[in-house]
Amino acid sequence: LSSQGVWHERIAESRIMIEQARLLTLKAAYMMDTVGNKI
């Protein structure tokens, strides 16, 4: 199954989506620590 193209698309999209969400969440956490929840 892992050799079929549709799954390559889904796996790639999954990795991209996770990395995007993680980076944005870590940015939010950093900002909460440095400039506060309101900012």
Full PDB file with SEQRES, HELIX, SHEET, SSBOND, CRYST1, ORIGX, SCALE, CONECT and MASTER records, all heavy atoms in Angstrom:
SEQRES   1 A   39  LEU SER SER GLN GLY VAL TRP HIS GLU ARG ILE ALA GLU          
SEQRES   2 A   39  SER ARG ILE MET ILE GLU GLN ALA ARG LEU LEU THR LEU          
SEQRES   3 A   39  LYS ALA ALA TYR MET MET ASP THR VAL GLY ASN LYS ILE          
HELIX    1 AA1 GLY A    5  THR A   34  1                                  30    
CRYST1    1.000    1.000    1.000  90.00  90.00  90.00 P 1           1          
ORIGX1      1.000000  0.000000  0.000000        0.00000                         
ORIGX2      0.000000  1.000000  0.000000        0.00000                         
ORIGX3      0.000000  0.000000  1.000000        0.00000                         
SCALE1      1.000000  0.000000  0.000000        0.00000                         
SCALE2      0.000000  1.000000  0.000000        0.00000                         
SCALE3      0.000000  0.000000  1.000000        0.00000                         
ATOM      1  N   LEU A   1       0.817  -1.221   0.000  1.00  0.00           N  
ATOM      2  CA  LEU A   1       0.000   0.000   0.000  1.00  0.00           C  
ATOM      3  C   LEU A   1       0.853   1.274   0.000  1.00  0.00           C  
ATOM      4  O   LEU A   1       0.493   2.273  -0.623  1.00  0.00           O  
ATOM      5  CB  LEU A   1      -0.929   0.013   1.213  1.00  0.00           C  
ATOM      6  CG  LEU A   1      -2.106  -0.974   1.187  1.00  0.00           C  
ATOM      7  CD1 LEU A   1      -2.892  -0.883   2.485  1.00  0.00           C  
ATOM      8  CD2 LEU A   1      -3.007  -0.716  -0.004  1.00  0.00           C  
ATOM      9  N   SER A   2       1.996   1.215   0.687  1.00  0.00           N  
ATOM     10  CA  SER A   2       2.831   2.416   0.777  1.00  0.00           C  
ATOM     11  C   SER A   2       3.460   2.797  -0.559  1.00  0.00           C  
ATOM     12  O   SER A   2       4.005   3.894  -0.696  1.00  0.00           O  
ATOM     13  CB  SER A   2       3.931   2.216   1.820  1.00  0.00           C  
ATOM     14  OG  SER A   2       4.765   1.123   1.476  1.00  0.00           O  
ATOM     15  N   SER A   3       3.393   1.915  -1.556  1.00  0.00           N  
ATOM     16  CA  SER A   3       3.961   2.244  -2.863  1.00  0.00           C  
ATOM     17  C   SER A   3       2.955   2.937  -3.777  1.00  0.00           C  
ATOM     18  O   SER A   3       3.314   3.377  -4.869  1.00  0.00           O  
ATOM     19  CB  SER A   3       4.464   0.965  -3.550  1.00  0.00           C  
ATOM     20  OG  SER A   3       3.369   0.123  -3.914  1.00  0.00           O  
ATOM     21  N   GLN A   4       1.724   3.059  -3.318  1.00  0.00           N  
ATOM     22  CA  GLN A   4       0.678   3.644  -4.158  1.00  0.00           C  
ATOM     23  C   GLN A   4       0.658   5.165  -3.997  1.00  0.00           C  
ATOM     24  O   GLN A   4       0.746   5.703  -2.896  1.00  0.00           O  
ATOM     25  CB  GLN A   4      -0.664   3.023  -3.806  1.00  0.00           C  
ATOM     26  CG  GLN A   4      -0.668   1.508  -4.064  1.00  0.00           C  
ATOM     27  CD  GLN A   4      -1.979   0.838  -3.716  1.00  0.00           C  
ATOM     28  OE1 GLN A   4      -2.965   1.495  -3.463  1.00  0.00           O  
ATOM     29  NE2 GLN A   4      -1.975  -0.490  -3.718  1.00  0.00           N  
ATOM     30  N   GLY A   5       0.525   5.834  -5.116  1.00  0.00           N  
ATOM     31  CA  GLY A   5       0.709   7.281  -5.175  1.00  0.00           C  
ATOM     32  C   GLY A   5      -0.196   8.080  -4.259  1.00  0.00           C  
ATOM     33  O   GLY A   5       0.224   9.090  -3.680  1.00  0.00           O  
ATOM     34  N   VAL A   6      -1.437   7.661  -4.111  1.00  0.00           N  
ATOM     35  CA  VAL A   6      -2.363   8.429  -3.280  1.00  0.00           C  
ATOM     36  C   VAL A   6      -1.857   8.528  -1.842  1.00  0.00           C  
ATOM     37  O   VAL A   6      -2.020   9.555  -1.173  1.00  0.00           O  
ATOM     38  CB  VAL A   6      -3.787   7.829  -3.331  1.00  0.00           C  
ATOM     39  CG1 VAL A   6      -3.833   6.430  -2.706  1.00  0.00           C  
ATOM     40  CG2 VAL A   6      -4.778   8.749  -2.629  1.00  0.00           C  
ATOM     41  N   TRP A   7      -1.199   7.469  -1.379  1.00  0.00           N  
ATOM     42  CA  TRP A   7      -0.689   7.487  -0.004  1.00  0.00           C  
ATOM     43  C   TRP A   7       0.555   8.351   0.120  1.00  0.00           C  
ATOM     44  O   TRP A   7       0.803   8.939   1.176  1.00  0.00           O  
ATOM     45  CB  TRP A   7      -0.437   6.062   0.490  1.00  0.00           C  
ATOM     46  CG  TRP A   7      -1.734   5.351   0.747  1.00  0.00           C  
ATOM     47  CD1 TRP A   7      -2.261   4.314   0.054  1.00  0.00           C  
ATOM     48  CD2 TRP A   7      -2.693   5.689   1.737  1.00  0.00           C  
ATOM     49  NE1 TRP A   7      -3.492   3.976   0.562  1.00  0.00           N  
ATOM     50  CE2 TRP A   7      -3.781   4.800   1.606  1.00  0.00           C  
ATOM     51  CE3 TRP A   7      -2.748   6.659   2.763  1.00  0.00           C  
ATOM     52  CZ2 TRP A   7      -4.900   4.842   2.433  1.00  0.00           C  
ATOM     53  CZ3 TRP A   7      -3.859   6.709   3.584  1.00  0.00           C  
ATOM     54  CH2 TRP A   7      -4.923   5.816   3.418  1.00  0.00           C  
ATOM     55  N   HIS A   8       1.336   8.453  -0.940  1.00  0.00           N  
ATOM     56  CA  HIS A   8       2.462   9.393  -0.919  1.00  0.00           C  
ATOM     57  C   HIS A   8       1.951  10.816  -0.715  1.00  0.00           C  
ATOM     58  O   HIS A   8       2.518  11.597   0.062  1.00  0.00           O  
ATOM     59  CB  HIS A   8       3.252   9.311  -2.233  1.00  0.00           C  
ATOM     60  CG  HIS A   8       4.024   8.043  -2.379  1.00  0.00           C  
ATOM     61  ND1 HIS A   8       4.804   7.768  -3.478  1.00  0.00           N  
ATOM     62  CD2 HIS A   8       4.145   6.964  -1.561  1.00  0.00           C  
ATOM     63  CE1 HIS A   8       5.372   6.582  -3.335  1.00  0.00           C  
ATOM     64  NE2 HIS A   8       4.983   6.074  -2.187  1.00  0.00           N  
ATOM     65  N   GLU A   9       0.883  11.163  -1.418  1.00  0.00           N  
ATOM     66  CA  GLU A   9       0.291  12.492  -1.281  1.00  0.00           C  
ATOM     67  C   GLU A   9      -0.163  12.736   0.156  1.00  0.00           C  
ATOM     68  O   GLU A   9       0.095  13.789   0.742  1.00  0.00           O  
ATOM     69  CB  GLU A   9      -0.911  12.636  -2.228  1.00  0.00           C  
ATOM     70  CG  GLU A   9      -0.556  12.706  -3.699  1.00  0.00           C  
ATOM     71  CD  GLU A   9       0.059  14.040  -4.074  1.00  0.00           C  
ATOM     72  OE1 GLU A   9      -0.339  15.065  -3.473  1.00  0.00           O  
ATOM     73  OE2 GLU A   9       0.955  14.059  -4.935  1.00  0.00           O  
ATOM     74  N   ARG A  10      -0.847  11.763   0.725  1.00  0.00           N  
ATOM     75  CA  ARG A  10      -1.406  11.938   2.068  1.00  0.00           C  
ATOM     76  C   ARG A  10      -0.316  11.988   3.129  1.00  0.00           C  
ATOM     77  O   ARG A  10      -0.408  12.772   4.090  1.00  0.00           O  
ATOM     78  CB  ARG A  10      -2.410  10.817   2.366  1.00  0.00           C  
ATOM     79  CG  ARG A  10      -3.668  10.933   1.527  1.00  0.00           C  
ATOM     80  CD  ARG A  10      -4.560   9.713   1.641  1.00  0.00           C  
ATOM     81  NE  ARG A  10      -5.785   9.899   0.843  1.00  0.00           N  
ATOM     82  CZ  ARG A  10      -6.691   8.935   0.635  1.00  0.00           C  
ATOM     83  NH1 ARG A  10      -6.496   7.717   1.139  1.00  0.00           N  
ATOM     84  NH2 ARG A  10      -7.764   9.179  -0.082  1.00  0.00           N  
ATOM     85  N   ILE A  11       0.703  11.163   2.976  1.00  0.00           N  
ATOM     86  CA  ILE A  11       1.811  11.181   3.939  1.00  0.00           C  
ATOM     87  C   ILE A  11       2.545  12.519   3.883  1.00  0.00           C  
ATOM     88  O   ILE A  11       2.858  13.125   4.919  1.00  0.00           O  
ATOM     89  CB  ILE A  11       2.774  10.008   3.663  1.00  0.00           C  
ATOM     90  CG1 ILE A  11       2.096   8.673   4.005  1.00  0.00           C  
ATOM     91  CG2 ILE A  11       4.070  10.169   4.467  1.00  0.00           C  
ATOM     92  CD1 ILE A  11       2.827   7.463   3.464  1.00  0.00           C  
ATOM     93  N   ALA A  12       2.813  12.978   2.675  1.00  0.00           N  
ATOM     94  CA  ALA A  12       3.511  14.265   2.528  1.00  0.00           C  
ATOM     95  C   ALA A  12       2.686  15.405   3.117  1.00  0.00           C  
ATOM     96  O   ALA A  12       3.208  16.260   3.855  1.00  0.00           O  
ATOM     97  CB  ALA A  12       3.800  14.534   1.049  1.00  0.00           C  
ATOM     98  N   GLU A  13       1.395  15.433   2.799  1.00  0.00           N  
ATOM     99  CA  GLU A  13       0.526  16.478   3.341  1.00  0.00           C  
ATOM    100  C   GLU A  13       0.488  16.416   4.864  1.00  0.00           C  
ATOM    101  O   GLU A  13       0.476  17.447   5.541  1.00  0.00           O  
ATOM    102  CB  GLU A  13      -0.894  16.335   2.777  1.00  0.00           C  
ATOM    103  CG  GLU A  13      -1.069  16.910   1.384  1.00  0.00           C  
ATOM    104  CD  GLU A  13      -0.805  18.409   1.348  1.00  0.00           C  
ATOM    105  OE1 GLU A  13      -1.309  19.141   2.217  1.00  0.00           O  
ATOM    106  OE2 GLU A  13      -0.056  18.837   0.446  1.00  0.00           O  
ATOM    107  N   SER A  14       0.465  15.220   5.404  1.00  0.00           N  
ATOM    108  CA  SER A  14       0.423  15.060   6.862  1.00  0.00           C  
ATOM    109  C   SER A  14       1.661  15.667   7.512  1.00  0.00           C  
ATOM    110  O   SER A  14       1.558  16.397   8.513  1.00  0.00           O  
ATOM    111  CB  SER A  14       0.313  13.570   7.229  1.00  0.00           C  
ATOM    112  OG  SER A  14      -0.896  13.016   6.744  1.00  0.00           O  
ATOM    113  N   ARG A  15       2.823  15.352   6.977  1.00  0.00           N  
ATOM    114  CA  ARG A  15       4.059  15.900   7.540  1.00  0.00           C  
ATOM    115  C   ARG A  15       4.079  17.427   7.440  1.00  0.00           C  
ATOM    116  O   ARG A  15       4.437  18.121   8.404  1.00  0.00           O  
ATOM    117  CB  ARG A  15       5.270  15.284   6.835  1.00  0.00           C  
ATOM    118  CG  ARG A  15       6.619  15.886   7.216  1.00  0.00           C  
ATOM    119  CD  ARG A  15       6.834  15.953   8.717  1.00  0.00           C  
ATOM    120  NE  ARG A  15       6.747  14.646   9.360  1.00  0.00           N  
ATOM    121  CZ  ARG A  15       6.474  14.465  10.651  1.00  0.00           C  
ATOM    122  NH1 ARG A  15       6.237  15.508  11.433  1.00  0.00           N  
ATOM    123  NH2 ARG A  15       6.407  13.266  11.161  1.00  0.00           N  
ATOM    124  N   ILE A  16       3.664  17.959   6.309  1.00  0.00           N  
ATOM    125  CA  ILE A  16       3.636  19.420   6.135  1.00  0.00           C  
ATOM    126  C   ILE A  16       2.683  20.057   7.146  1.00  0.00           C  
ATOM    127  O   ILE A  16       3.015  21.052   7.801  1.00  0.00           O  
ATOM    128  CB  ILE A  16       3.225  19.782   4.694  1.00  0.00           C  
ATOM    129  CG1 ILE A  16       4.315  19.362   3.700  1.00  0.00           C  
ATOM    130  CG2 ILE A  16       2.936  21.275   4.564  1.00  0.00           C  
ATOM    131  CD1 ILE A  16       3.850  19.359   2.245  1.00  0.00           C  
ATOM    132  N   MET A  17       1.503  19.491   7.297  1.00  0.00           N  
ATOM    133  CA  MET A  17       0.491  20.053   8.199  1.00  0.00           C  
ATOM    134  C   MET A  17       0.951  20.029   9.654  1.00  0.00           C  
ATOM    135  O   MET A  17       0.736  20.985  10.407  1.00  0.00           O  
ATOM    136  CB  MET A  17      -0.827  19.295   8.043  1.00  0.00           C  
ATOM    137  CG  MET A  17      -1.502  19.514   6.694  1.00  0.00           C  
ATOM    138  SD  MET A  17      -2.735  18.237   6.304  1.00  0.00           S  
ATOM    139  CE  MET A  17      -3.986  18.574   7.523  1.00  0.00           C  
ATOM    140  N   ILE A  18       1.597  18.934  10.050  1.00  0.00           N  
ATOM    141  CA  ILE A  18       2.087  18.838  11.430  1.00  0.00           C  
ATOM    142  C   ILE A  18       3.157  19.886  11.702  1.00  0.00           C  
ATOM    143  O   ILE A  18       3.134  20.576  12.729  1.00  0.00           O  
ATOM    144  CB  ILE A  18       2.632  17.419  11.713  1.00  0.00           C  
ATOM    145  CG1 ILE A  18       1.479  16.408  11.799  1.00  0.00           C  
ATOM    146  CG2 ILE A  18       3.439  17.396  13.014  1.00  0.00           C  
ATOM    147  CD1 ILE A  18       1.935  14.960  11.877  1.00  0.00           C  
ATOM    148  N   GLU A  19       4.107  20.011  10.766  1.00  0.00           N  
ATOM    149  CA  GLU A  19       5.190  20.976  10.977  1.00  0.00           C  
ATOM    150  C   GLU A  19       4.661  22.408  11.025  1.00  0.00           C  
ATOM    151  O   GLU A  19       5.104  23.228  11.841  1.00  0.00           O  
ATOM    152  CB  GLU A  19       6.240  20.837   9.868  1.00  0.00           C  
ATOM    153  CG  GLU A  19       6.956  19.494   9.851  1.00  0.00           C  
ATOM    154  CD  GLU A  19       7.720  19.202  11.139  1.00  0.00           C  
ATOM    155  OE1 GLU A  19       8.261  20.145  11.737  1.00  0.00           O  
ATOM    156  OE2 GLU A  19       7.755  18.027  11.541  1.00  0.00           O  
ATOM    157  N   GLN A  20       3.697  22.730  10.174  1.00  0.00           N  
ATOM    158  CA  GLN A  20       3.105  24.065  10.190  1.00  0.00           C  
ATOM    159  C   GLN A  20       2.437  24.341  11.537  1.00  0.00           C  
ATOM    160  O   GLN A  20       2.620  25.414  12.130  1.00  0.00           O  
ATOM    161  CB  GLN A  20       2.076  24.199   9.064  1.00  0.00           C  
ATOM    162  CG  GLN A  20       2.668  24.292   7.671  1.00  0.00           C  
ATOM    163  CD  GLN A  20       1.599  24.273   6.595  1.00  0.00           C  
ATOM    164  OE1 GLN A  20       0.547  23.648   6.757  1.00  0.00           O  
ATOM    165  NE2 GLN A  20       1.848  24.954   5.499  1.00  0.00           N  
ATOM    166  N   ALA A  21       1.644  23.382  11.995  1.00  0.00           N  
ATOM    167  CA  ALA A  21       0.910  23.573  13.251  1.00  0.00           C  
ATOM    168  C   ALA A  21       1.873  23.689  14.430  1.00  0.00           C  
ATOM    169  O   ALA A  21       1.673  24.514  15.329  1.00  0.00           O  
ATOM    170  CB  ALA A  21      -0.061  22.414  13.471  1.00  0.00           C  
ATOM    171  N   ARG A  22       2.921  22.870  14.425  1.00  0.00           N  
ATOM    172  CA  ARG A  22       3.879  22.921  15.535  1.00  0.00           C  
ATOM    173  C   ARG A  22       4.584  24.276  15.589  1.00  0.00           C  
ATOM    174  O   ARG A  22       4.719  24.879  16.654  1.00  0.00           O  
ATOM    175  CB  ARG A  22       4.892  21.791  15.422  1.00  0.00           C  
ATOM    176  CG  ARG A  22       5.902  21.798  16.591  1.00  0.00           C  
ATOM    177  CD  ARG A  22       7.010  20.795  16.409  1.00  0.00           C  
ATOM    178  NE  ARG A  22       6.546  19.426  16.564  1.00  0.00           N  
ATOM    179  CZ  ARG A  22       6.511  18.529  15.590  1.00  0.00           C  
ATOM    180  NH1 ARG A  22       6.906  18.864  14.350  1.00  0.00           N  
ATOM    181  NH2 ARG A  22       6.087  17.304  15.810  1.00  0.00           N  
ATOM    182  N   LEU A  23       5.061  24.744  14.446  1.00  0.00           N  
ATOM    183  CA  LEU A  23       5.780  26.017  14.424  1.00  0.00           C  
ATOM    184  C   LEU A  23       4.896  27.171  14.895  1.00  0.00           C  
ATOM    185  O   LEU A  23       5.337  28.039  15.653  1.00  0.00           O  
ATOM    186  CB  LEU A  23       6.321  26.294  13.022  1.00  0.00           C  
ATOM    187  CG  LEU A  23       7.546  25.473  12.613  1.00  0.00           C  
ATOM    188  CD1 LEU A  23       7.834  25.657  11.136  1.00  0.00           C  
ATOM    189  CD2 LEU A  23       8.767  25.858  13.444  1.00  0.00           C  
ATOM    190  N   LEU A  24       3.644  27.182  14.463  1.00  0.00           N  
ATOM    191  CA  LEU A  24       2.745  28.257  14.881  1.00  0.00           C  
ATOM    192  C   LEU A  24       2.440  28.162  16.376  1.00  0.00           C  
ATOM    193  O   LEU A  24       2.379  29.180  17.072  1.00  0.00           O  
ATOM    194  CB  LEU A  24       1.449  28.203  14.067  1.00  0.00           C  
ATOM    195  CG  LEU A  24       0.461  29.345  14.299  1.00  0.00           C  
ATOM    196  CD1 LEU A  24       1.107  30.708  14.097  1.00  0.00           C  
ATOM    197  CD2 LEU A  24      -0.752  29.197  13.379  1.00  0.00           C  
ATOM    198  N   THR A  25       2.280  26.948  16.878  1.00  0.00           N  
ATOM    199  CA  THR A  25       1.997  26.782  18.307  1.00  0.00           C  
ATOM    200  C   THR A  25       3.194  27.195  19.150  1.00  0.00           C  
ATOM    201  O   THR A  25       3.037  27.855  20.191  1.00  0.00           O  
ATOM    202  CB  THR A  25       1.595  25.325  18.606  1.00  0.00           C  
ATOM    203  OG1 THR A  25       0.508  24.949  17.756  1.00  0.00           O  
ATOM    204  CG2 THR A  25       1.166  25.167  20.055  1.00  0.00           C  
ATOM    205  N   LEU A  26       4.384  26.821  18.728  1.00  0.00           N  
ATOM    206  CA  LEU A  26       5.577  27.224  19.469  1.00  0.00           C  
ATOM    207  C   LEU A  26       5.767  28.736  19.413  1.00  0.00           C  
ATOM    208  O   LEU A  26       6.215  29.350  20.393  1.00  0.00           O  
ATOM    209  CB  LEU A  26       6.808  26.503  18.907  1.00  0.00           C  
ATOM    210  CG  LEU A  26       6.860  24.993  19.164  1.00  0.00           C  
ATOM    211  CD1 LEU A  26       8.053  24.369  18.432  1.00  0.00           C  
ATOM    212  CD2 LEU A  26       6.926  24.682  20.652  1.00  0.00           C  
ATOM    213  N   LYS A  27       5.429  29.349  18.285  1.00  0.00           N  
ATOM    214  CA  LYS A  27       5.499  30.811  18.207  1.00  0.00           C  
ATOM    215  C   LYS A  27       4.536  31.444  19.208  1.00  0.00           C  
ATOM    216  O   LYS A  27       4.878  32.407  19.905  1.00  0.00           O  
ATOM    217  CB  LYS A  27       5.160  31.293  16.796  1.00  0.00           C  
ATOM    218  CG  LYS A  27       5.213  32.815  16.667  1.00  0.00           C  
ATOM    219  CD  LYS A  27       4.625  33.314  15.359  1.00  0.00           C  
ATOM    220  CE  LYS A  27       4.629  34.842  15.324  1.00  0.00           C  
ATOM    221  NZ  LYS A  27       3.920  35.372  14.131  1.00  0.00           N  
ATOM    222  N   ALA A  28       3.320  30.901  19.293  1.00  0.00           N  
ATOM    223  CA  ALA A  28       2.339  31.427  20.253  1.00  0.00           C  
ATOM    224  C   ALA A  28       2.846  31.273  21.682  1.00  0.00           C  
ATOM    225  O   ALA A  28       2.723  32.193  22.505  1.00  0.00           O  
ATOM    226  CB  ALA A  28       1.003  30.710  20.077  1.00  0.00           C  
ATOM    227  N   ALA A  29       3.436  30.113  21.989  1.00  0.00           N  
ATOM    228  CA  ALA A  29       3.973  29.889  23.336  1.00  0.00           C  
ATOM    229  C   ALA A  29       5.098  30.867  23.637  1.00  0.00           C  
ATOM    230  O   ALA A  29       5.176  31.427  24.749  1.00  0.00           O  
ATOM    231  CB  ALA A  29       4.468  28.445  23.450  1.00  0.00           C  
ATOM    232  N   TYR A  30       5.977  31.087  22.664  1.00  0.00           N  
ATOM    233  CA  TYR A  30       7.080  32.040  22.836  1.00  0.00           C  
ATOM    234  C   TYR A  30       6.547  33.444  23.104  1.00  0.00           C  
ATOM    235  O   TYR A  30       7.034  34.157  23.998  1.00  0.00           O  
ATOM    236  CB  TYR A  30       7.962  32.022  21.582  1.00  0.00           C  
ATOM    237  CG  TYR A  30       8.983  33.138  21.532  1.00  0.00           C  
ATOM    238  CD1 TYR A  30      10.157  33.059  22.279  1.00  0.00           C  
ATOM    239  CD2 TYR A  30       8.763  34.271  20.746  1.00  0.00           C  
ATOM    240  CE1 TYR A  30      11.086  34.086  22.231  1.00  0.00           C  
ATOM    241  CE2 TYR A  30       9.695  35.296  20.700  1.00  0.00           C  
ATOM    242  CZ  TYR A  30      10.855  35.203  21.449  1.00  0.00           C  
ATOM    243  OH  TYR A  30      11.766  36.226  21.409  1.00  0.00           O  
ATOM    244  N   MET A  31       5.554  33.850  22.341  1.00  0.00           N  
ATOM    245  CA  MET A  31       5.000  35.186  22.525  1.00  0.00           C  
ATOM    246  C   MET A  31       4.310  35.326  23.878  1.00  0.00           C  
ATOM    247  O   MET A  31       4.413  36.370  24.533  1.00  0.00           O  
ATOM    248  CB  MET A  31       4.032  35.515  21.385  1.00  0.00           C  
ATOM    249  CG  MET A  31       4.711  35.715  20.046  1.00  0.00           C  
ATOM    250  SD  MET A  31       3.553  36.152  18.731  1.00  0.00           S  
ATOM    251  CE  MET A  31       3.022  37.793  19.272  1.00  0.00           C  
ATOM    252  N   MET A  32       3.619  34.298  24.326  1.00  0.00           N  
ATOM    253  CA  MET A  32       2.984  34.350  25.644  1.00  0.00           C  
ATOM    254  C   MET A  32       4.025  34.534  26.741  1.00  0.00           C  
ATOM    255  O   MET A  32       3.803  35.270  27.704  1.00  0.00           O  
ATOM    256  CB  MET A  32       2.168  33.084  25.883  1.00  0.00           C  
ATOM    257  CG  MET A  32       0.893  33.026  25.056  1.00  0.00           C  
ATOM    258  SD  MET A  32       0.134  31.396  25.086  1.00  0.00           S  
ATOM    259  CE  MET A  32      -0.258  31.235  26.810  1.00  0.00           C  
ATOM    260  N   ASP A  33       5.163  33.889  26.580  1.00  0.00           N  
ATOM    261  CA  ASP A  33       6.236  34.006  27.579  1.00  0.00           C  
ATOM    262  C   ASP A  33       6.911  35.370  27.536  1.00  0.00           C  
ATOM    263  O   ASP A  33       7.352  35.880  28.571  1.00  0.00           O  
ATOM    264  CB  ASP A  33       7.299  32.928  27.341  1.00  0.00           C  
ATOM    265  CG  ASP A  33       6.827  31.528  27.710  1.00  0.00           C  
ATOM    266  OD1 ASP A  33       5.875  31.418  28.498  1.00  0.00           O  
ATOM    267  OD2 ASP A  33       7.411  30.561  27.192  1.00  0.00           O  
ATOM    268  N   THR A  34       6.999  35.971  26.356  1.00  0.00           N  
ATOM    269  CA  THR A  34       7.815  37.180  26.206  1.00  0.00           C  
ATOM    270  C   THR A  34       7.014  38.472  26.197  1.00  0.00           C  
ATOM    271  O   THR A  34       7.447  39.475  26.775  1.00  0.00           O  
ATOM    272  CB  THR A  34       8.652  37.105  24.915  1.00  0.00           C  
ATOM    273  OG1 THR A  34       7.775  36.860  23.805  1.00  0.00           O  
ATOM    274  CG2 THR A  34       9.684  35.988  25.004  1.00  0.00           C  
ATOM    275  N   VAL A  35       5.848  38.470  25.538  1.00  0.00           N  
ATOM    276  CA  VAL A  35       5.073  39.717  25.448  1.00  0.00           C  
ATOM    277  C   VAL A  35       3.691  39.603  26.066  1.00  0.00           C  
ATOM    278  O   VAL A  35       2.965  40.591  26.137  1.00  0.00           O  
ATOM    279  CB  VAL A  35       4.950  40.198  23.983  1.00  0.00           C  
ATOM    280  CG1 VAL A  35       6.323  40.547  23.424  1.00  0.00           C  
ATOM    281  CG2 VAL A  35       4.261  39.141  23.103  1.00  0.00           C  
ATOM    282  N   GLY A  36       3.309  38.400  26.503  1.00  0.00           N  
ATOM    283  CA  GLY A  36       2.048  38.228  27.207  1.00  0.00           C  
ATOM    284  C   GLY A  36       0.901  37.775  26.322  1.00  0.00           C  
ATOM    285  O   GLY A  36       0.939  37.883  25.099  1.00  0.00           O  
ATOM    286  N   ASN A  37      -0.139  37.266  27.003  1.00  0.00           N  
ATOM    287  CA  ASN A  37      -1.286  36.681  26.298  1.00  0.00           C  
ATOM    288  C   ASN A  37      -2.007  37.696  25.411  1.00  0.00           C  
ATOM    289  O   ASN A  37      -2.506  37.354  24.338  1.00  0.00           O  
ATOM    290  CB  ASN A  37      -2.284  36.101  27.301  1.00  0.00           C  
ATOM    291  CG  ASN A  37      -1.733  34.911  28.053  1.00  0.00           C  
ATOM    292  OD1 ASN A  37      -0.549  34.601  27.949  1.00  0.00           O  
ATOM    293  ND2 ASN A  37      -2.580  34.247  28.809  1.00  0.00           N  
ATOM    294  N   LYS A  38      -2.086  38.939  25.868  1.00  0.00           N  
ATOM    295  CA  LYS A  38      -2.857  39.928  25.119  1.00  0.00           C  
ATOM    296  C   LYS A  38      -2.233  40.196  23.753  1.00  0.00           C  
ATOM    297  O   LYS A  38      -2.933  40.263  22.738  1.00  0.00           O  
ATOM    298  CB  LYS A  38      -2.970  41.224  25.923  1.00  0.00           C  
ATOM    299  CG  LYS A  38      -3.909  42.243  25.308  1.00  0.00           C  
ATOM    300  CD  LYS A  38      -4.135  43.427  26.235  1.00  0.00           C  
ATOM    301  CE  LYS A  38      -5.138  44.411  25.625  1.00  0.00           C  
ATOM    302  NZ  LYS A  38      -5.397  45.569  26.507  1.00  0.00           N  
ATOM    303  N   ILE A  39      -0.921  40.332  23.720  1.00  0.00           N  
ATOM    304  CA  ILE A  39      -0.233  40.576  22.444  1.00  0.00           C  
ATOM    305  C   ILE A  39      -0.264  39.313  21.576  1.00  0.00           C  
ATOM    306  O   ILE A  39      -0.300  39.391  20.341  1.00  0.00           O  
ATOM    307  CB  ILE A  39       1.221  41.034  22.686  1.00  0.00           C  
ATOM    308  CG1 ILE A  39       1.239  42.287  23.558  1.00  0.00           C  
ATOM    309  CG2 ILE A  39       1.936  41.295  21.368  1.00  0.00           C  
ATOM    310  CD1 ILE A  39       0.534  43.482  22.960  1.00  0.00           C  
TER     311      ILE A  39                                                      
MASTER        0    0    0    1    0    0    0    6  310    1    0    3          
END                                                                             
